[in-house]
Protein backbone atom coordinates (compact mmCIF):
# COMPACT_ATOMS: atom_id res chain seq x y z
CA MET A 1 189.42 -51.79 -104.22
CA ALA A 2 188.00 -51.93 -100.70
CA PRO A 3 190.69 -52.17 -98.02
CA THR A 4 191.76 -55.56 -96.72
CA SER A 5 193.09 -54.11 -93.45
CA ILE A 6 192.19 -50.95 -91.53
CA LEU A 7 193.85 -49.33 -88.52
CA VAL A 8 191.87 -46.72 -86.56
CA LEU A 9 193.92 -44.38 -84.39
CA GLY A 10 192.04 -43.88 -81.13
CA ALA A 11 188.78 -45.10 -79.60
CA GLY A 12 187.37 -41.96 -78.03
CA GLU A 13 183.99 -40.48 -78.88
CA LEU A 14 184.70 -40.36 -82.60
CA GLY A 15 187.06 -43.32 -82.82
CA GLY A 16 184.55 -45.52 -81.03
CA ALA A 17 181.77 -44.49 -83.41
CA VAL A 18 183.98 -45.15 -86.45
CA LEU A 19 185.01 -48.57 -85.11
CA ARG A 20 181.41 -49.62 -84.44
CA SER A 21 180.27 -48.55 -87.89
CA LEU A 22 183.17 -50.23 -89.65
CA ALA A 23 182.71 -53.46 -87.69
CA LYS A 24 178.98 -53.66 -88.46
CA HIS A 25 179.07 -52.42 -92.06
CA PRO A 26 177.66 -55.00 -94.52
CA SER A 27 180.69 -54.56 -96.80
CA ARG A 28 183.25 -55.37 -94.10
CA ALA A 29 183.35 -59.05 -95.02
CA ASP A 30 186.77 -60.37 -93.97
CA THR A 31 188.44 -56.97 -93.72
CA ARG A 32 190.92 -56.93 -90.86
CA LEU A 33 190.04 -54.17 -88.40
CA ALA A 34 192.34 -52.91 -85.64
CA VAL A 35 192.59 -49.96 -83.26
CA LEU A 36 195.67 -48.21 -81.91
CA LEU A 37 195.53 -47.63 -78.16
CA ARG A 38 198.11 -46.79 -75.51
CA ALA A 39 199.46 -49.86 -73.72
CA SER A 40 198.34 -48.28 -70.45
CA THR A 41 194.77 -48.25 -71.75
CA ILE A 42 194.88 -51.82 -73.01
CA ASN A 43 196.28 -53.07 -69.69
CA SER A 44 194.28 -50.77 -67.42
CA LYS A 45 192.44 -52.22 -64.44
CA ASP A 46 189.89 -49.41 -64.55
CA ASP A 47 186.38 -50.87 -64.93
CA SER A 48 185.23 -48.46 -67.63
CA LYS A 49 188.35 -49.01 -69.72
CA GLN A 50 188.05 -52.76 -69.30
CA ARG A 51 184.46 -52.56 -70.57
CA THR A 52 185.61 -50.52 -73.57
CA ILE A 53 188.32 -53.07 -74.37
CA ALA A 54 185.81 -55.92 -74.03
CA ASP A 55 183.34 -54.17 -76.35
CA ILE A 56 186.06 -53.63 -78.95
CA LYS A 57 187.08 -57.29 -78.84
CA ASP A 58 183.44 -58.40 -79.12
CA LEU A 59 183.26 -56.54 -82.45
CA GLY A 60 186.17 -58.59 -83.79
CA ILE A 61 188.60 -55.69 -83.61
CA GLU A 62 192.28 -56.24 -82.84
CA LEU A 63 194.17 -54.16 -80.30
CA VAL A 64 197.47 -52.56 -81.34
CA ALA A 65 199.61 -50.87 -78.68
CA GLY A 66 201.06 -47.49 -79.60
CA ASP A 67 201.25 -43.82 -78.69
CA LEU A 68 201.06 -41.09 -81.33
CA VAL A 69 202.68 -38.55 -79.01
CA GLU A 70 205.39 -40.54 -77.27
CA GLN A 71 206.64 -42.79 -80.06
CA SER A 72 209.07 -41.78 -82.80
CA MET A 73 208.09 -41.37 -86.43
CA PRO A 74 209.99 -44.56 -87.46
CA LYS A 75 208.10 -46.52 -84.80
CA LEU A 76 204.76 -45.17 -86.00
CA GLU A 77 205.76 -46.03 -89.56
CA GLU A 78 206.45 -49.60 -88.40
CA ILE A 79 203.04 -49.79 -86.66
CA PHE A 80 201.22 -48.54 -89.77
CA GLN A 81 203.03 -50.82 -92.27
CA PRO A 82 200.78 -53.91 -91.98
CA PHE A 83 197.66 -51.89 -92.87
CA ASP A 84 196.52 -50.55 -96.21
CA THR A 85 194.17 -47.92 -94.69
CA VAL A 86 194.83 -45.72 -91.64
CA ILE A 87 192.05 -43.56 -90.14
CA ASN A 88 193.17 -40.92 -87.66
CA CYS A 89 190.59 -40.33 -84.90
CA SER A 90 193.10 -39.01 -82.38
CA GLY A 91 191.48 -35.61 -81.82
CA MET A 92 192.85 -32.06 -81.59
CA SER A 93 194.31 -32.24 -78.08
CA ALA A 94 197.69 -33.66 -79.11
CA PRO A 95 200.74 -31.36 -78.93
CA PRO A 96 201.48 -29.10 -81.91
CA GLY A 97 203.17 -30.97 -84.73
CA THR A 98 201.61 -34.34 -83.93
CA GLN A 99 199.30 -34.37 -86.96
CA ILE A 100 202.20 -33.68 -89.34
CA ILE A 101 204.25 -36.47 -87.73
CA VAL A 102 201.38 -38.96 -88.07
CA ALA A 103 200.70 -38.01 -91.70
CA THR A 104 204.40 -38.28 -92.55
CA ALA A 105 204.57 -41.71 -90.90
CA ALA A 106 201.53 -42.84 -92.88
CA ILE A 107 203.16 -41.80 -96.17
CA ALA A 108 206.45 -43.50 -95.26
CA SER A 109 204.71 -46.69 -94.13
CA GLY A 110 203.50 -47.50 -97.64
CA CYS A 111 199.86 -47.69 -96.62
CA ARG A 112 197.52 -47.20 -99.56
CA LYS A 113 195.16 -44.63 -98.01
CA TYR A 114 195.09 -42.20 -95.12
CA PHE A 115 192.22 -40.32 -93.48
CA PRO A 116 193.73 -37.46 -91.44
CA TRP A 117 192.17 -35.94 -88.33
CA GLN A 118 190.27 -33.32 -90.32
CA PHE A 119 186.70 -34.09 -89.21
CA GLY A 120 185.89 -30.43 -88.77
CA ILE A 121 185.37 -27.26 -90.75
CA ASP A 122 186.59 -26.09 -94.15
CA TYR A 123 190.20 -25.18 -93.44
CA ASP A 124 190.96 -24.44 -97.10
CA THR A 125 188.30 -21.72 -97.18
CA ILE A 126 189.28 -20.30 -93.78
CA GLY A 127 192.93 -20.16 -94.79
CA ARG A 128 195.98 -19.38 -92.71
CA ASN A 129 196.34 -16.74 -90.01
CA SER A 130 192.84 -17.28 -88.62
CA ALA A 131 192.03 -16.62 -84.98
CA GLN A 132 192.48 -20.33 -84.23
CA SER A 133 196.19 -21.14 -84.64
CA LEU A 134 195.51 -24.89 -84.63
CA PHE A 135 194.01 -24.58 -88.11
CA SER A 136 197.37 -23.73 -89.66
CA GLU A 137 198.66 -27.19 -88.79
CA GLN A 138 195.61 -28.71 -90.47
CA LEU A 139 196.57 -26.80 -93.62
CA ASP A 140 200.17 -28.00 -93.25
CA VAL A 141 198.84 -31.57 -93.27
CA ARG A 142 196.83 -30.90 -96.42
CA ASP A 143 199.85 -29.33 -98.12
CA LEU A 144 201.91 -32.40 -97.24
CA LEU A 145 199.29 -34.81 -98.58
CA ARG A 146 198.83 -32.82 -101.78
CA SER A 147 202.58 -32.66 -102.36
CA GLN A 148 202.98 -36.44 -102.73
CA SER A 149 201.54 -39.09 -105.02
CA HIS A 150 202.54 -42.29 -103.18
CA MET A 151 199.45 -42.49 -100.98
CA GLU A 152 195.78 -41.73 -101.54
CA TRP A 153 194.03 -39.62 -98.92
CA THR A 154 190.56 -38.39 -98.07
CA VAL A 155 189.46 -35.56 -95.80
CA ILE A 156 185.87 -35.74 -94.57
CA SER A 157 184.70 -32.29 -93.44
CA THR A 158 181.79 -32.73 -91.05
CA GLY A 159 181.55 -29.41 -89.21
CA MET A 160 181.51 -29.39 -85.42
CA PHE A 161 180.10 -32.18 -83.26
CA THR A 162 176.38 -31.49 -82.79
CA SER A 163 176.72 -31.78 -79.01
CA PHE A 164 179.24 -28.93 -78.99
CA ILE A 165 176.55 -26.40 -79.93
CA PHE A 166 174.99 -27.04 -76.53
CA GLU A 167 178.28 -27.08 -74.61
CA PRO A 168 178.04 -24.08 -72.24
CA ALA A 169 181.78 -23.41 -72.55
CA PHE A 170 181.31 -22.71 -76.26
CA GLY A 171 179.07 -19.81 -75.38
CA ILE A 172 175.98 -20.24 -77.56
CA VAL A 173 173.53 -22.09 -75.27
CA SER A 174 173.79 -21.40 -71.55
CA ALA A 175 174.15 -24.18 -68.99
CA GLU A 176 170.62 -23.49 -67.74
CA ARG A 177 169.25 -23.65 -71.33
CA ASP A 178 167.51 -20.34 -70.71
CA SER A 179 169.55 -18.11 -73.02
CA VAL A 180 171.12 -18.28 -76.46
CA THR A 181 173.90 -15.99 -77.65
CA ALA A 182 174.42 -15.64 -81.39
CA LEU A 183 178.05 -15.51 -82.48
CA GLY A 184 178.42 -12.74 -85.04
CA SER A 185 174.77 -12.48 -86.07
CA TRP A 186 171.51 -14.42 -86.02
CA GLU A 187 171.99 -15.21 -89.71
CA ASN A 188 175.35 -16.94 -89.19
CA SER A 189 175.15 -20.69 -89.85
CA ILE A 190 177.03 -23.71 -88.50
CA THR A 191 177.31 -27.20 -89.99
CA THR A 192 177.18 -29.98 -87.40
CA THR A 193 177.26 -33.78 -87.36
CA THR A 194 177.01 -36.23 -84.46
CA ALA A 195 179.90 -38.59 -83.77
CA GLU A 196 177.69 -41.59 -84.56
CA ASP A 197 176.73 -40.14 -87.94
CA ILE A 198 180.36 -39.36 -88.72
CA GLY A 199 181.10 -43.00 -87.96
CA LYS A 200 178.43 -44.12 -90.43
CA ILE A 201 179.71 -41.79 -93.13
CA VAL A 202 183.35 -42.79 -92.65
CA ALA A 203 182.47 -46.49 -92.84
CA GLU A 204 180.49 -45.92 -96.04
CA VAL A 205 183.33 -43.98 -97.66
CA VAL A 206 186.00 -46.48 -96.60
CA LEU A 207 184.19 -49.70 -97.43
CA SER A 208 181.72 -48.81 -100.20
CA HIS A 209 183.40 -45.86 -101.93
CA PRO A 210 187.15 -46.51 -101.60
CA GLN A 211 187.82 -44.61 -104.83
CA THR A 212 186.84 -41.31 -103.14
CA ASN A 213 189.87 -39.04 -102.80
CA GLY A 214 190.57 -35.46 -101.76
CA VAL A 215 188.20 -33.36 -99.66
CA LEU A 216 184.55 -34.29 -99.37
CA PHE A 217 181.82 -32.71 -97.27
CA ALA A 218 179.24 -34.26 -94.96
CA ALA A 219 176.61 -32.70 -92.70
CA GLY A 220 174.15 -33.88 -90.13
CA ASP A 221 172.55 -30.46 -90.24
CA THR A 222 173.29 -26.86 -91.14
CA VAL A 223 171.52 -24.34 -88.93
CA SER A 224 171.57 -20.61 -88.31
CA MET A 225 172.00 -19.08 -84.87
CA GLN A 226 168.34 -18.11 -85.10
CA GLN A 227 167.33 -21.72 -85.71
CA ILE A 228 169.40 -22.87 -82.74
CA ALA A 229 167.49 -20.48 -80.48
CA ASP A 230 164.21 -21.68 -81.97
CA VAL A 231 165.17 -25.30 -81.28
CA VAL A 232 165.97 -24.54 -77.64
CA ASP A 233 162.65 -22.67 -77.32
CA LYS A 234 160.78 -25.66 -78.73
CA VAL A 235 162.55 -28.39 -76.79
CA MET A 236 162.68 -26.55 -73.47
CA ARG A 237 159.07 -25.33 -73.92
CA ARG A 238 159.88 -21.77 -72.97
CA LYS A 239 161.17 -18.61 -74.58
CA VAL A 240 164.90 -18.24 -74.07
CA GLN A 241 166.65 -14.90 -73.69
CA ARG A 242 168.46 -13.92 -76.88
CA SER A 243 171.53 -11.76 -77.37
CA VAL A 244 174.28 -11.24 -79.95
CA LYS A 245 178.04 -10.96 -79.58
CA SER A 246 179.61 -9.16 -82.52
CA VAL A 247 182.90 -10.15 -84.11
CA ALA A 248 184.43 -7.00 -82.64
CA GLN A 249 183.31 -7.96 -79.12
CA LEU A 250 184.68 -11.47 -79.49
CA LEU A 251 187.99 -10.20 -80.88
CA LYS A 252 188.29 -7.92 -77.84
CA GLU A 253 187.65 -10.89 -75.52
CA LEU A 254 190.35 -12.84 -77.36
CA GLU A 255 192.74 -9.90 -77.13
CA ASP A 256 192.26 -9.95 -73.35
CA ALA A 257 192.90 -13.72 -73.21
CA PRO A 258 195.03 -14.54 -76.28
CA HIS A 259 195.74 -18.15 -75.26
CA ASP A 260 192.11 -19.12 -74.63
CA GLY A 261 191.31 -21.78 -77.23
CA MET A 262 187.55 -21.48 -76.81
CA LYS A 263 187.66 -17.74 -77.48
CA LYS A 264 189.60 -18.47 -80.67
CA TYR A 265 186.88 -20.85 -81.83
CA ARG A 266 184.16 -18.29 -81.07
CA VAL A 267 185.82 -15.70 -83.29
CA VAL A 268 186.12 -18.17 -86.18
CA PHE A 269 182.47 -19.18 -85.98
CA ALA A 270 181.34 -15.58 -85.56
CA GLN A 271 183.19 -14.61 -88.73
CA GLY A 272 181.11 -17.23 -90.54
CA VAL A 273 183.69 -18.27 -93.14
CA GLY A 274 184.22 -21.96 -93.88
CA VAL A 275 182.04 -23.17 -91.02
CA ALA A 276 178.83 -24.07 -92.91
CA TRP A 277 177.80 -25.68 -96.19
CA ASP A 278 174.63 -26.85 -97.93
CA LYS A 279 173.56 -30.24 -96.57
CA GLU A 280 171.85 -31.10 -99.85
CA LYS A 281 175.22 -31.10 -101.63
CA THR A 282 177.00 -33.41 -99.18
CA PHE A 283 178.20 -37.00 -99.51
CA ASN A 284 175.57 -38.29 -97.10
CA ALA A 285 172.76 -36.53 -99.00
CA GLN A 286 174.05 -37.93 -102.29
CA TYR A 287 173.99 -41.49 -100.96
CA ASN A 288 170.86 -41.14 -98.79
CA ILE A 289 172.59 -41.70 -95.46
CA ASP A 290 170.21 -40.62 -92.70
CA THR A 291 171.69 -38.19 -90.19
CA GLN A 292 170.46 -36.60 -87.00
CA THR A 293 169.42 -32.95 -87.09
CA VAL A 294 170.18 -30.45 -84.35
CA GLU A 295 166.53 -30.63 -83.25
CA ASP A 296 166.65 -34.45 -83.18
CA TRP A 297 169.72 -34.32 -80.94
CA ALA A 298 168.20 -31.70 -78.65
CA LYS A 299 165.00 -33.73 -78.19
CA GLU A 300 167.05 -36.74 -77.12
CA ASN A 301 169.55 -34.98 -74.91
CA LEU A 302 168.13 -31.74 -73.46
CA LYS A 303 165.90 -31.93 -70.43
CA CYS A 304 162.96 -29.56 -70.33
């Protein structure tokens, strides 16, 4: 059965996209839709936050005050109880242990279905003890969900946000858009999806395919490092400089700065395990959900 009430945790880039897609989905009908936000955000006098709150209300979405980091597990359980579906769009910036606390609260609340913050890569394939220590907690969440039978759950693996490919701090495309550095090799591939497309896919799963359980895969695009460089060439209308950083080089950089989260991500993507999958075999391909390719995104967002 489709949910009668949905609580989305967070209204950032992804949470906002999920809320918009849920609110406008043709199968929403009279489904109650709410979002969990900090009280300081709801009551803020900041103009941009006030506009965000107004936009949320205009979509017929309720505001629920709460804080995933500051509040106790029993309090979170109490907040979740009125809803039969909880979708976690809180992001990866919360302190270690937060995702386990939220998942445990969802189970204890009696909600029927939970979507954890797992809108990323294939943690099962990557496994434990990877360069990125944050991934172990994601596996802890999956172990917890698989160990119980009281609550249904769905993980939607979407790869990285498409915009992140072009984030200079990630180290593939330079800030000047005049050079591209392949992580690992030119043949290495990355699966990416825009936040808006993730929102569309989540809404379709939640409202039209509520029987979907376990881990499913989605993809806006899957591209090699070579194809990324070709896209930048095409969109910027010039030949970019190309270079490669080997796994060994990236591991050395991480060894020199062991607490640098971005360097950890670079190693994982350079190793090329669990970070890409065939778009033709994804949920969105199966149900003909249009998604934006890397080239589409670049044409809209990169300035030549």
